[in-house]
């Protein structure tokens, strides 16, 4: 779009309404080829499964704007689909469309979630109020419609039977009014199931969603076709049982692979259009790496937010936009139940390596926690991991996928969740920490070393092998500081405080007013280098007089520690 070069178009941060974007001067990356592809690969019911924030809702809004009777056709001017005049003449603006999103069907109880769904259906149905005056509908049919939109105590109110049949009845009434079958677009169909699983009313919600979708999608003579979106394909509960010509278009499917997410060229053009071409490599490192079908794509939510931030502040650094847009409980579930093998696999992923897993694309939410392999599958389908290859399983026709963390942002999710998990584990392990604290007061270096090694052996390493040694040293410094602060409320612990001729890593003032403790932390590049790193730590304490601040307070019984770390092992020396 030539107009972009003057950089007057606004960036559509959080806007997923296609018509609004096109009419209100927002930047739009053309995904209208998806319309052509859908019609050329016909399916009565089409389910697109993609991770959150990859443009599903915007694409569904685009479908609505294209097919809906009365649409403003001008909003497609200049876009790819407008070049296919035969297809536009046949389909554009020719069908009644029901576009409903389940993303807000939520509640701590089933009753609240049920009510939320009733309000959503009622509001959607009320948008077709012209049906009450239609000369194509009978009195009984208008009464059916009235049963969907009736209001009681300021809210939409329907009987259970009406709720189940509401969308099918709506398709029947619209089809009779217009003389054309109805297109259904159901966005985020699986959100109610996810929320129900989290809050403990899963079975009731499965039955409700199965009933509604079964009515409208199965043997419905008034259905032209349906498009659904979600993160997971939920099929084993028989939600989609008996639906003919049901197509599942997952992230492994080469069809439509570029239509959800941004390509390299699209991101380059976007950055260039706003004079930000120099930030391409940074955007790629943070937000690229998702492999859908046969292409690599960027997360659109991240890229749009990043560019919007850069427009306001050209020196802005990349942020974790995708992480902050929703919870990341799946990574936490994996870490909570990780055994030694899984911890090793997580460490390899964080270090940039791949792991091999057999992925199951069809799962129930109830199955996620029953087998750790299922969590790997869900992490893949929801975007926390991505495919970089396949490996044929021995003595089998099946394949395992080679999975990696897609980019720097998602790696931050894993690191954050591991840190939170480790803090909780440490907080609960009072016996081990009590032994460690006592050993520090008694200058028992062997026991300190043993306790730290035990604690580190239980954790998942989050150190990138490419990180600078200083970064790794900071990690161990923070680890040790967290252990000490979390278990010794009566110790005054200071970190990186000026003392003598420098800044000491950790200074501790125990309850005994005559005592003090100084700890200097080092990172060793090898196990063999632990002794030398400890020696360097002790020399630094002495030559820079880190004990000065303690002696000024009359604390003359001072213990000095040099502690060196390498991977999950440490060495401890003391002057006592």
Protein backbone atom coordinates (compact mmCIF):
# COMPACT_ATOMS: atom_id res chain seq x y z
CA UNK A 1 0.00 0.00 0.00
CA UNK A 2 1.73 3.16 -1.29
CA UNK A 3 0.18 5.38 1.38
CA UNK A 4 2.30 3.70 3.99
CA UNK A 5 5.40 5.51 2.94
CA UNK A 6 4.21 8.74 4.56
CA UNK A 7 3.88 6.81 7.83
CA UNK A 8 0.44 8.25 8.53
CA UNK A 9 -1.28 4.92 9.07
CA UNK A 10 -1.82 3.97 12.68
CA UNK A 11 -0.66 0.60 13.96
CA UNK A 12 -3.58 -1.66 14.95
CA UNK A 13 -2.48 -2.58 18.46
CA UNK A 14 -5.18 -4.80 19.94
CA UNK A 15 -7.60 -4.15 17.03
CA UNK A 16 -8.97 -7.29 15.40
CA UNK A 17 -11.93 -5.82 13.51
CA UNK A 18 -11.15 -5.96 9.79
CA UNK A 19 -13.65 -3.29 8.74
CA UNK A 20 -12.40 -0.86 11.38
CA UNK A 21 -8.79 -1.38 10.33
CA UNK A 22 -9.63 -0.75 6.68
CA UNK A 23 -11.90 2.23 7.21
CA UNK A 24 -10.07 4.02 10.02
CA UNK A 25 -6.58 4.37 8.61
CA UNK A 26 -4.78 1.46 10.24
CA UNK A 27 -1.86 -0.46 8.77
CA UNK A 28 -2.95 -3.81 7.33
CA UNK A 29 -0.84 -6.70 6.10
CA UNK A 30 -2.86 -8.32 3.34
CA UNK A 31 -4.08 -11.80 4.29
CA UNK A 32 -7.08 -11.88 1.91
CA UNK A 33 -5.58 -14.72 -0.10
CA UNK A 34 -6.91 -16.85 2.74
CA UNK A 35 -10.43 -16.28 1.36
CA UNK A 36 -9.43 -17.68 -2.03
CA UNK A 37 -7.63 -20.62 -0.45
CA UNK A 38 -10.61 -21.48 1.74
CA UNK A 39 -13.02 -21.51 -1.18
CA UNK A 40 -10.64 -23.54 -3.34
CA UNK A 41 -10.15 -26.12 -0.55
CA UNK A 42 -13.79 -26.45 0.35
CA UNK A 43 -14.91 -27.97 3.62
CA UNK A 44 -18.32 -27.87 5.25
CA UNK A 45 -16.70 -27.35 8.65
CA UNK A 46 -13.16 -25.93 8.81
CA UNK A 47 -11.20 -25.75 12.05
CA UNK A 48 -8.05 -23.59 12.14
CA UNK A 49 -5.87 -24.38 15.16
CA UNK A 50 -3.20 -21.79 15.88
CA UNK A 51 -1.55 -20.35 19.01
CA UNK A 52 -3.11 -17.28 20.61
CA UNK A 53 -2.27 -13.85 19.21
CA UNK A 54 -1.59 -15.09 15.67
CA UNK A 55 -4.34 -13.18 13.91
CA UNK A 56 -7.14 -15.74 14.11
CA UNK A 57 -9.82 -13.25 15.14
CA UNK A 58 -8.77 -10.65 12.56
CA UNK A 59 -8.91 -13.27 9.80
CA UNK A 60 -12.34 -14.39 10.97
CA UNK A 61 -13.50 -10.77 10.95
CA UNK A 62 -12.15 -10.53 7.40
CA UNK A 63 -14.26 -13.56 6.38
CA UNK A 64 -17.34 -11.94 7.88
CA UNK A 65 -16.73 -8.68 6.01
CA UNK A 66 -16.25 -10.53 2.73
CA UNK A 67 -19.23 -12.89 2.76
CA UNK A 68 -21.84 -10.91 4.69
CA UNK A 69 -24.85 -9.51 2.87
CA UNK A 70 -24.70 -5.71 2.86
CA UNK A 71 -20.93 -5.56 3.26
CA UNK A 72 -19.02 -2.49 2.13
CA UNK A 73 -17.12 -4.00 -0.77
CA UNK A 74 -14.78 -1.02 -1.02
CA UNK A 75 -12.82 -2.16 2.04
CA UNK A 76 -11.28 -4.87 -0.14
CA UNK A 77 -10.10 -2.45 -2.83
CA UNK A 78 -6.41 -2.88 -3.55
CA UNK A 79 -6.14 -6.15 -1.65
CA UNK A 80 -5.18 -9.51 -3.15
CA UNK A 81 -8.71 -10.92 -3.24
CA UNK A 82 -10.02 -8.00 -5.33
CA UNK A 83 -7.97 -9.29 -8.27
CA UNK A 84 -10.10 -12.46 -8.42
CA UNK A 85 -13.17 -10.79 -9.88
CA UNK A 86 -14.97 -14.04 -10.66
CA UNK A 87 -14.73 -15.22 -7.05
CA UNK A 88 -15.72 -11.80 -5.71
CA UNK A 89 -18.75 -11.66 -8.02
CA UNK A 90 -19.87 -15.09 -6.86
CA UNK A 91 -19.29 -14.83 -3.09
CA UNK A 92 -18.70 -11.27 -1.89
CA UNK A 93 -21.68 -9.92 0.04
CA UNK A 94 -23.88 -12.89 -0.84
CA UNK A 95 -24.53 -14.75 2.43
CA UNK A 96 -25.98 -14.22 5.90
CA UNK A 97 -23.11 -14.58 8.38
CA UNK A 98 -23.18 -15.34 12.09
CA UNK A 99 -19.87 -14.41 13.71
CA UNK A 100 -19.63 -15.42 17.37
CA UNK A 101 -16.62 -15.51 19.67
CA UNK A 102 -16.41 -17.77 22.73
CA UNK A 103 -13.33 -16.02 24.14
CA UNK A 104 -15.32 -14.39 26.96
CA UNK A 105 -17.19 -17.54 28.05
CA UNK A 106 -15.57 -17.67 31.44
CA UNK A 107 -16.45 -17.91 35.11
CA UNK A 108 -15.37 -19.46 38.38
CA UNK A 109 -18.47 -21.68 38.25
CA UNK A 110 -20.40 -23.39 35.49
CA UNK A 111 -23.46 -21.23 36.16
CA UNK A 112 -21.47 -18.04 35.59
CA UNK A 113 -19.86 -19.37 32.42
CA UNK A 114 -23.24 -20.60 31.20
CA UNK A 115 -24.73 -17.15 31.78
CA UNK A 116 -21.82 -15.52 29.93
CA UNK A 117 -22.51 -17.76 26.93
CA UNK A 118 -26.25 -16.91 27.04
CA UNK A 119 -25.43 -13.18 26.99
CA UNK A 120 -23.08 -13.61 24.03
CA UNK A 121 -25.61 -15.61 22.00
CA UNK A 122 -28.40 -13.19 22.92
CA UNK A 123 -26.37 -10.18 21.84
CA UNK A 124 -25.39 -11.80 18.53
CA UNK A 125 -29.01 -12.78 17.83
CA UNK A 126 -30.26 -9.32 18.72
CA UNK A 127 -28.13 -7.96 15.87
CA UNK A 128 -30.65 -9.55 13.48
CA UNK A 129 -33.70 -7.78 14.93
CA UNK A 130 -35.08 -7.23 11.42
CA UNK A 131 -36.21 -10.87 11.58
CA UNK A 132 -39.14 -9.81 13.77
CA UNK A 133 -40.55 -7.88 10.80
CA UNK A 134 -39.61 -10.35 8.08
CA UNK A 135 -42.47 -11.31 5.74
CA UNK A 136 -40.57 -14.54 5.02
CA UNK A 137 -41.01 -15.90 8.55
CA UNK A 138 -44.09 -17.40 10.15
CA UNK A 139 -45.51 -16.34 13.49
CA UNK A 140 -44.06 -19.45 15.14
CA UNK A 141 -40.64 -18.75 13.69
CA UNK A 142 -40.72 -15.20 15.01
CA UNK A 143 -41.66 -16.58 18.41
CA UNK A 144 -38.62 -18.87 18.21
CA UNK A 145 -36.48 -15.83 17.54
CA UNK A 146 -38.11 -13.96 20.41
CA UNK A 147 -37.17 -16.87 22.70
CA UNK A 148 -33.50 -16.24 21.91
CA UNK A 149 -33.49 -12.48 22.47
CA UNK A 150 -35.91 -12.14 25.37
CA UNK A 151 -34.64 -10.09 28.31
CA UNK A 152 -35.41 -10.70 31.96
CA UNK A 153 -34.05 -8.55 34.81
CA UNK A 154 -31.88 -6.66 32.35
CA UNK A 155 -30.19 -9.77 30.90
CA UNK A 156 -30.82 -12.17 28.07
CA UNK A 157 -32.70 -15.20 29.32
CA UNK A 158 -33.17 -18.55 27.58
CA UNK A 159 -34.30 -21.98 28.62
CA UNK A 160 -31.72 -24.77 28.40
CA UNK A 161 -33.34 -26.16 25.27
CA UNK A 162 -33.30 -22.77 23.57
CA UNK A 163 -29.61 -22.27 24.36
CA UNK A 164 -28.67 -25.62 22.79
CA UNK A 165 -30.68 -25.00 19.63
CA UNK A 166 -30.20 -21.22 19.42
CA UNK A 167 -27.51 -21.07 16.74
CA UNK A 168 -29.22 -23.66 14.54
CA UNK A 169 -32.54 -21.79 14.85
CA UNK A 170 -30.76 -18.58 13.92
CA UNK A 171 -29.35 -20.21 10.79
CA UNK A 172 -32.82 -21.44 9.85
CA UNK A 173 -34.42 -18.01 10.26
CA UNK A 174 -31.66 -16.16 8.40
CA UNK A 175 -31.73 -18.65 5.55
CA UNK A 176 -35.50 -18.32 5.16
CA UNK A 177 -35.31 -14.53 5.28
CA UNK A 178 -32.51 -14.19 2.70
CA UNK A 179 -33.07 -17.33 0.64
CA UNK A 180 -29.37 -18.18 1.08
CA UNK A 181 -27.77 -20.65 3.48
CA UNK A 182 -25.93 -19.22 6.49
CA UNK A 183 -22.18 -19.09 7.10
CA UNK A 184 -21.07 -19.60 10.70
CA UNK A 185 -17.80 -18.24 12.06
CA UNK A 186 -17.05 -19.44 15.60
CA UNK A 187 -13.89 -17.91 17.06
CA UNK A 188 -11.97 -19.37 20.03
CA UNK A 189 -14.34 -22.32 20.32
CA UNK A 190 -12.13 -24.08 22.89
CA UNK A 191 -11.73 -21.21 25.38
CA UNK A 192 -14.80 -22.28 27.43
CA UNK A 193 -13.30 -25.77 27.74
CA UNK A 194 -9.95 -24.42 28.86
CA UNK A 195 -11.55 -22.16 31.48
CA UNK A 196 -13.83 -24.97 32.64
CA UNK A 197 -10.84 -27.28 33.07
CA UNK A 198 -9.06 -24.65 35.17
CA UNK A 199 -12.08 -24.02 37.41
CA UNK A 200 -13.43 -27.54 37.85
CA UNK A 201 -16.62 -27.77 35.76
CA UNK A 202 -15.15 -29.38 32.66
CA UNK A 203 -17.69 -32.16 32.09
CA UNK A 204 -20.66 -29.79 32.22
CA UNK A 205 -19.05 -27.40 29.72
CA UNK A 206 -18.14 -30.23 27.35
CA UNK A 207 -21.76 -31.34 27.28
CA UNK A 208 -22.97 -27.77 26.63
CA UNK A 209 -20.53 -26.99 23.81
CA UNK A 210 -21.10 -30.43 22.27
CA UNK A 211 -24.82 -29.78 22.24
CA UNK A 212 -24.61 -26.31 20.67
CA UNK A 213 -22.03 -27.20 18.02
CA UNK A 214 -23.66 -30.53 17.25
CA UNK A 215 -26.96 -28.80 16.47
CA UNK A 216 -25.56 -26.10 14.23
CA UNK A 217 -22.78 -28.04 12.46
CA UNK A 218 -24.21 -31.55 12.08
CA UNK A 219 -26.85 -32.30 9.40
CA UNK A 220 -27.96 -28.68 9.33
CA UNK A 221 -29.67 -28.04 6.00
CA UNK A 222 -29.37 -24.29 6.56
CA UNK A 223 -25.58 -24.28 6.87
CA UNK A 224 -23.51 -23.06 3.91
CA UNK A 225 -20.24 -23.75 5.70
CA UNK A 226 -18.58 -23.04 9.04
CA UNK A 227 -15.17 -21.80 10.12
CA UNK A 228 -13.92 -22.36 13.65
CA UNK A 229 -10.71 -21.31 15.37
CA UNK A 230 -8.99 -22.46 18.52
CA UNK A 231 -5.65 -23.45 20.02
CA UNK A 232 -6.42 -27.16 20.40
CA UNK A 233 -8.43 -29.70 18.51
CA UNK A 234 -10.72 -31.25 21.10
CA UNK A 235 -12.20 -34.32 19.48
CA UNK A 236 -12.10 -37.26 21.85
CA UNK A 237 -15.01 -35.90 23.87
CA UNK A 238 -16.97 -36.38 20.59
CA UNK A 239 -17.70 -32.67 20.33
CA UNK A 240 -17.43 -33.01 16.55
CA UNK A 241 -18.74 -36.55 16.18
CA UNK A 242 -20.79 -37.11 13.03
CA UNK A 243 -19.94 -33.80 11.38
CA UNK A 244 -19.44 -34.49 7.69
CA UNK A 245 -16.53 -33.07 5.68
CA UNK A 246 -14.77 -31.83 8.81
CA UNK A 247 -11.36 -30.33 8.04
CA UNK A 248 -8.76 -29.67 10.70
CA UNK A 249 -6.10 -27.22 9.52
CA UNK A 250 -3.39 -27.35 12.17
CA UNK A 251 0.05 -25.76 12.38
CA UNK A 252 1.45 -28.85 10.65
CA UNK A 253 -0.77 -28.32 7.61
CA UNK A 254 0.94 -26.69 4.60
CA UNK A 255 -2.37 -25.18 3.49
CA UNK A 256 -2.87 -21.61 4.70
CA UNK A 257 0.58 -21.74 6.34
CA UNK A 258 1.45 -18.05 5.73
CA UNK A 259 -1.98 -16.65 6.50
CA UNK A 260 -1.65 -16.72 10.29
CA UNK A 261 1.51 -14.87 11.22
CA UNK A 262 3.88 -12.52 9.39
CA UNK A 263 6.55 -13.58 6.93
CA UNK A 264 10.10 -12.24 6.73
CA UNK A 265 9.19 -9.96 3.83
CA UNK A 266 6.08 -8.65 5.57
CA UNK A 267 8.06 -7.72 8.68
CA UNK A 268 10.82 -6.13 6.59
CA UNK A 269 8.27 -4.05 4.70
CA UNK A 270 6.48 -3.03 7.89
CA UNK A 271 9.70 -1.85 9.53
CA UNK A 272 10.82 -0.07 6.37
CA UNK A 273 7.47 1.70 6.00
CA UNK A 274 8.02 3.32 9.40
CA UNK A 275 11.73 4.03 8.89
CA UNK A 276 12.80 1.24 11.22
CA UNK A 277 14.55 -1.17 8.85
CA UNK A 278 17.63 -1.33 11.09
CA UNK A 279 15.60 -3.17 13.73
CA UNK A 280 14.85 -6.21 11.55
CA UNK A 281 17.47 -8.57 13.02
CA UNK A 282 16.36 -7.71 16.53
CA UNK A 283 12.71 -8.37 15.63
CA UNK A 284 13.68 -11.67 14.07
CA UNK A 285 15.63 -12.82 17.11
CA UNK A 286 12.77 -12.04 19.48
CA UNK A 287 9.58 -12.79 17.53
CA UNK A 288 10.32 -15.10 14.57
CA UNK A 289 10.91 -18.85 14.59
CA UNK A 290 7.39 -20.33 14.51
CA UNK A 291 7.17 -23.04 11.85
CA UNK A 292 3.66 -23.46 10.41
CA UNK A 293 3.31 -25.93 7.56
CA UNK A 294 6.29 -25.20 5.30
CA UNK A 295 7.05 -21.64 6.35
CA UNK A 296 8.53 -19.70 9.25
CA UNK A 297 6.40 -16.89 10.65
CA UNK A 298 6.53 -14.16 13.28
CA UNK A 299 3.93 -13.61 15.99
CA UNK A 300 1.84 -10.66 14.67
CA UNK A 301 0.91 -9.43 18.15
CA UNK A 302 4.58 -9.06 19.05
CA UNK A 303 5.63 -7.37 15.82
CA UNK A 304 2.81 -4.80 15.82
CA UNK A 305 3.44 -3.91 19.47
CA UNK A 306 7.20 -3.73 18.93
CA UNK A 307 6.93 -1.43 15.91
CA UNK A 308 4.36 0.74 17.68
CA UNK A 309 6.76 1.10 20.60
CA UNK A 310 9.65 1.93 18.29
CA UNK A 311 7.62 4.62 16.50
CA UNK A 312 7.18 6.36 19.85
CA UNK A 313 10.73 5.65 21.02
CA UNK A 314 13.32 4.57 18.40
CA UNK A 315 15.67 3.35 21.14
CA UNK A 316 13.06 1.06 22.73
CA UNK A 317 14.16 -2.49 23.40
CA UNK A 318 12.11 -5.59 22.53
CA UNK A 319 9.64 -6.64 25.19
CA UNK A 320 7.76 -9.84 25.98
CA UNK A 321 4.40 -8.76 24.58
CA UNK A 322 3.09 -12.29 23.88
CA UNK A 323 4.02 -13.52 27.34
CA UNK A 324 2.25 -10.64 29.04
CA UNK A 325 -0.97 -11.03 27.02
CA UNK A 326 -2.03 -14.20 28.85
CA UNK A 327 -1.04 -16.66 31.53
CA UNK A 328 1.67 -19.23 30.91
CA UNK A 329 0.39 -22.05 33.08
CA UNK A 330 1.33 -24.78 30.59
CA UNK A 331 5.05 -24.21 31.08
CA UNK A 332 4.47 -24.20 34.81
CA UNK A 333 2.60 -27.52 34.60
CA UNK A 334 5.52 -29.09 32.74
CA UNK A 335 8.05 -27.86 35.27
CA UNK A 336 5.94 -28.87 38.27
CA UNK A 337 5.83 -32.54 37.24
CA UNK A 338 9.25 -32.72 35.57
CA UNK A 339 11.36 -35.75 36.36
CA UNK A 340 15.13 -35.87 35.83
CA UNK A 341 14.76 -36.65 32.13
CA UNK A 342 12.34 -33.79 31.59
CA UNK A 343 14.56 -31.35 33.47
CA UNK A 344 17.43 -32.31 31.20
CA UNK A 345 15.20 -31.76 28.14
CA UNK A 346 14.15 -28.32 29.39
CA UNK A 347 17.80 -27.40 29.95
CA UNK A 348 18.62 -28.47 26.39
CA UNK A 349 15.76 -26.40 24.99
CA UNK A 350 16.85 -23.29 26.89
CA UNK A 351 20.41 -23.82 25.61
CA UNK A 352 19.04 -23.69 22.03
CA UNK A 353 19.06 -27.43 21.35
CA UNK A 354 16.18 -29.55 20.02
CA UNK A 355 14.37 -32.48 21.61
CA UNK A 356 12.44 -35.25 19.89
CA UNK A 357 8.81 -35.89 20.84
CA UNK A 358 5.84 -37.77 19.42
CA UNK A 359 3.14 -35.10 19.26
CA UNK A 360 -0.57 -35.80 19.71
CA UNK A 361 -2.72 -33.14 18.08
CA UNK A 362 -5.99 -34.46 19.51
CA UNK A 363 -6.23 -34.30 23.28
CA UNK A 364 -8.84 -33.63 25.91
CA UNK A 365 -8.03 -31.08 28.58
CA UNK A 366 -8.50 -33.86 31.13
CA UNK A 367 -5.62 -35.75 29.54
CA UNK A 368 -3.07 -32.94 29.68
CA UNK A 369 -1.77 -33.66 33.19
CA UNK A 370 -2.08 -37.45 32.99
CA UNK A 371 1.05 -37.91 30.93
CA UNK A 372 4.00 -35.57 30.63
CA UNK A 373 4.18 -36.36 26.90
CA UNK A 374 0.75 -34.75 26.55
CA UNK A 375 2.08 -31.50 27.99
CA UNK A 376 4.84 -31.49 25.38
CA UNK A 377 2.13 -31.85 22.72
CA UNK A 378 0.12 -28.93 24.08
CA UNK A 379 3.23 -26.75 24.38
CA UNK A 380 3.77 -27.41 20.67
CA UNK A 381 0.22 -26.67 19.54
CA UNK A 382 0.01 -23.49 21.63
CA UNK A 383 3.27 -21.95 20.36
CA UNK A 384 5.72 -22.50 23.21
CA UNK A 385 7.65 -24.95 21.04
CA UNK A 386 7.94 -25.24 17.29
CA UNK A 387 8.98 -27.88 14.78
CA UNK A 388 12.36 -27.83 13.04
CA UNK A 389 12.34 -31.35 11.60
CA UNK A 390 11.13 -34.94 11.88
CA UNK A 391 12.76 -38.20 12.91
CA UNK A 392 11.37 -41.59 11.88
CA UNK A 393 10.83 -43.86 14.84
CA UNK A 394 12.62 -47.20 14.73
CA UNK A 395 10.46 -50.18 13.70
CA UNK A 396 7.52 -47.89 13.07
CA UNK A 397 5.87 -45.83 10.37
CA UNK A 398 5.43 -42.94 12.81
CA UNK A 399 7.59 -39.87 13.22
CA UNK A 400 8.76 -37.82 16.17
CA UNK A 401 9.04 -34.07 15.79
CA UNK A 402 12.24 -32.21 16.52
CA UNK A 403 11.09 -29.37 18.76
CA UNK A 404 12.81 -26.14 19.80
CA UNK A 405 11.92 -22.95 21.63
CA UNK A 406 11.03 -20.62 18.74
CA UNK A 407 12.65 -17.37 19.81
CA UNK A 408 14.11 -15.23 22.56
CA UNK A 409 10.75 -14.10 23.91
CA UNK A 410 9.41 -17.61 24.54
CA UNK A 411 12.72 -18.59 26.09
CA UNK A 412 12.01 -15.84 28.63
CA UNK A 413 8.73 -17.61 29.50
CA UNK A 414 10.57 -20.79 30.39
CA UNK A 415 13.18 -18.92 32.41
CA UNK A 416 10.56 -16.92 34.30
CA UNK A 417 8.50 -19.97 35.17
CA UNK A 418 11.57 -21.94 36.24
CA UNK A 419 12.66 -19.10 38.51
CA UNK A 420 9.22 -18.90 40.11
CA UNK A 421 9.08 -22.65 40.55
CA UNK A 422 12.54 -22.77 42.10
CA UNK A 423 11.69 -20.00 44.57
CA UNK A 424 8.71 -22.01 45.77
CA UNK A 425 10.68 -25.24 46.00
CA UNK A 426 13.37 -23.53 48.03
CA UNK A 427 10.82 -21.88 50.29
CA UNK A 428 9.29 -25.26 51.12
CA UNK A 429 12.60 -27.02 51.70
CA UNK A 430 13.26 -25.58 55.14
CA UNK A 431 15.33 -28.52 56.39
CA UNK A 432 17.94 -28.21 53.64
CA UNK A 433 18.16 -24.43 54.00
CA UNK A 434 18.42 -24.68 57.80
CA UNK A 435 21.41 -27.01 57.43
CA UNK A 436 22.99 -24.62 54.91
CA UNK A 437 22.53 -21.59 57.17
CA UNK A 438 23.97 -23.39 60.19
CA UNK A 439 26.99 -24.49 58.15
CA UNK A 440 27.60 -20.89 57.01
CA UNK A 441 27.65 -19.67 60.62
CA UNK A 442 30.01 -22.48 61.60
CA UNK A 443 32.36 -22.04 58.61
CA UNK A 444 31.81 -25.68 57.65
CA UNK A 445 32.84 -25.39 54.00
CA UNK A 446 32.33 -29.08 53.22
CA UNK A 447 28.74 -29.00 54.46
CA UNK A 448 28.01 -25.70 52.67
CA UNK A 449 29.36 -27.17 49.46
CA UNK A 450 27.36 -30.38 49.85
CA UNK A 451 24.10 -28.57 50.58
CA UNK A 452 24.47 -26.21 47.63
CA UNK A 453 25.24 -29.12 45.32
CA UNK A 454 22.15 -30.97 46.56
CA UNK A 455 19.95 -27.92 45.97
CA UNK A 456 21.37 -27.19 42.51
CA UNK A 457 21.03 -30.80 41.43
CA UNK A 458 17.26 -30.56 41.98
CA UNK A 459 16.81 -27.45 39.87
CA UNK A 460 16.53 -26.87 36.15
CA UNK A 461 19.45 -24.92 34.79
CA UNK A 462 18.45 -21.76 32.93
CA UNK A 463 21.92 -20.74 31.82
CA UNK A 464 22.44 -20.22 28.11
CA UNK A 465 25.83 -21.65 27.20
CA UNK A 466 26.30 -18.58 24.98
CA UNK A 467 25.79 -16.15 27.84
CA UNK A 468 28.72 -14.10 29.05
CA UNK A 469 30.51 -15.37 32.14
CA UNK A 470 29.42 -12.27 34.05
CA UNK A 471 25.77 -13.09 33.33
CA UNK A 472 26.26 -16.61 34.62
CA UNK A 473 28.00 -15.26 37.71
CA UNK A 474 25.05 -12.95 38.32
CA UNK A 475 22.69 -15.91 38.14
CA UNK A 476 24.55 -17.84 40.86
CA UNK A 477 24.81 -14.67 42.92
CA UNK A 478 21.03 -14.27 42.70
CA UNK A 479 20.46 -17.94 43.47
CA UNK A 480 22.56 -17.81 46.64
CA UNK A 481 21.00 -14.52 47.70
CA UNK A 482 17.50 -15.97 47.31
CA UNK A 483 18.38 -19.02 49.38
CA UNK A 484 19.74 -16.94 52.23
CA UNK A 485 17.06 -14.25 52.28
CA UNK A 486 14.20 -16.72 52.07
CA UNK A 487 15.19 -18.66 55.15
CA UNK A 488 16.92 -16.27 57.53
CA UNK A 489 14.54 -13.44 58.49
CA UNK A 490 16.77 -12.36 61.37
CA UNK A 491 19.85 -11.90 59.19
CA UNK A 492 20.47 -8.50 57.61
CA UNK A 493 21.64 -9.39 54.10
CA UNK A 494 22.98 -6.81 51.68
CA UNK A 495 23.96 -7.33 48.07
CA UNK A 496 26.42 -5.34 45.91
CA UNK A 497 26.97 -2.78 48.67
CA UNK A 498 29.99 -0.49 48.73
CA UNK A 499 32.57 -1.55 51.27
CA UNK A 500 36.26 -0.78 51.47
CA UNK A 501 37.57 -0.26 47.93
CA UNK A 502 34.75 -1.86 45.98
CA UNK A 503 31.34 -3.51 45.99
CA UNK A 504 31.02 -6.85 47.75
CA UNK A 505 28.66 -9.53 46.40
CA UNK A 506 26.98 -10.45 49.69
CA UNK A 507 27.45 -9.08 53.20
CA UNK A 508 25.56 -10.74 56.07
CA UNK A 509 25.00 -9.36 59.56
CA UNK A 510 23.79 -12.28 61.71
CA UNK A 511 21.97 -11.88 65.03
CA UNK A 512 25.30 -12.02 66.91
CA UNK A 513 26.41 -8.35 66.92
CA UNK A 514 30.08 -9.38 66.92
CA UNK A 515 29.80 -11.54 63.79
CA UNK A 516 29.81 -10.80 60.08
CA UNK A 517 29.94 -12.82 56.86
CA UNK A 518 31.30 -11.86 53.45
CA UNK A 519 30.62 -13.97 50.35
CA UNK A 520 32.20 -13.39 46.94
CA UNK A 521 30.72 -15.42 44.06
CA UNK A 522 32.62 -16.48 40.94
CA UNK A 523 31.79 -18.45 37.82
CA UNK A 524 34.34 -21.04 36.69
CA UNK A 525 34.56 -21.92 33.01
CA UNK A 526 35.27 -25.56 33.86
CA UNK A 527 35.12 -27.97 36.80
CA UNK A 528 38.91 -27.88 36.90
CA UNK A 529 38.80 -24.11 37.32
CA UNK A 530 36.74 -24.12 40.52
CA UNK A 531 39.76 -24.01 42.84
CA UNK A 532 41.35 -21.08 41.00
CA UNK A 533 38.05 -19.16 40.95
CA UNK A 534 37.68 -19.63 44.71
CA UNK A 535 41.21 -18.35 45.21
CA UNK A 536 40.41 -15.27 43.06
CA UNK A 537 37.27 -14.63 45.13
CA UNK A 538 39.20 -14.69 48.41
CA UNK A 539 41.92 -12.42 47.02
CA UNK A 540 39.28 -9.93 45.90
CA UNK A 541 37.68 -9.84 49.36
CA UNK A 542 41.04 -9.13 50.98
CA UNK A 543 42.63 -6.74 48.50
CA UNK A 544 39.47 -4.60 48.23
CA UNK A 545 38.86 -4.68 52.01
CA UNK A 546 35.23 -5.80 51.79
CA UNK A 547 35.26 -6.34 55.55
CA UNK A 548 35.67 -2.62 56.28
CA UNK A 549 31.97 -1.85 56.67
CA UNK A 550 31.54 -4.71 59.16
CA UNK A 551 34.56 -3.70 61.25
CA UNK A 552 33.30 -0.11 61.40
CA UNK A 553 30.24 -1.48 63.23
CA UNK A 554 32.38 -3.45 65.66
CA UNK A 555 31.80 -6.79 63.96
CA UNK A 556 35.28 -8.27 64.22
CA UNK A 557 34.42 -11.98 64.12
CA UNK A 558 34.23 -12.11 60.33
CA UNK A 559 34.04 -15.19 58.11
CA UNK A 560 35.04 -14.75 54.48
CA UNK A 561 33.81 -17.14 51.76
CA UNK A 562 34.88 -17.60 48.18
CA UNK A 563 32.29 -19.68 46.33
CA UNK A 564 32.80 -20.74 42.72
CA UNK A 565 30.12 -22.34 40.52
CA UNK A 566 30.18 -24.34 37.32
CA UNK A 567 26.92 -25.77 36.01
CA UNK A 568 25.36 -27.66 38.93
CA UNK A 569 28.47 -27.92 41.07
CA UNK A 570 30.29 -25.54 43.36
CA UNK A 571 33.44 -25.21 45.44
CA UNK A 572 33.54 -23.35 48.77
CA UNK A 573 36.62 -22.03 50.59
CA UNK A 574 36.90 -19.91 53.73
CA UNK A 575 39.54 -18.14 55.79
CA UNK A 576 38.45 -20.06 58.92
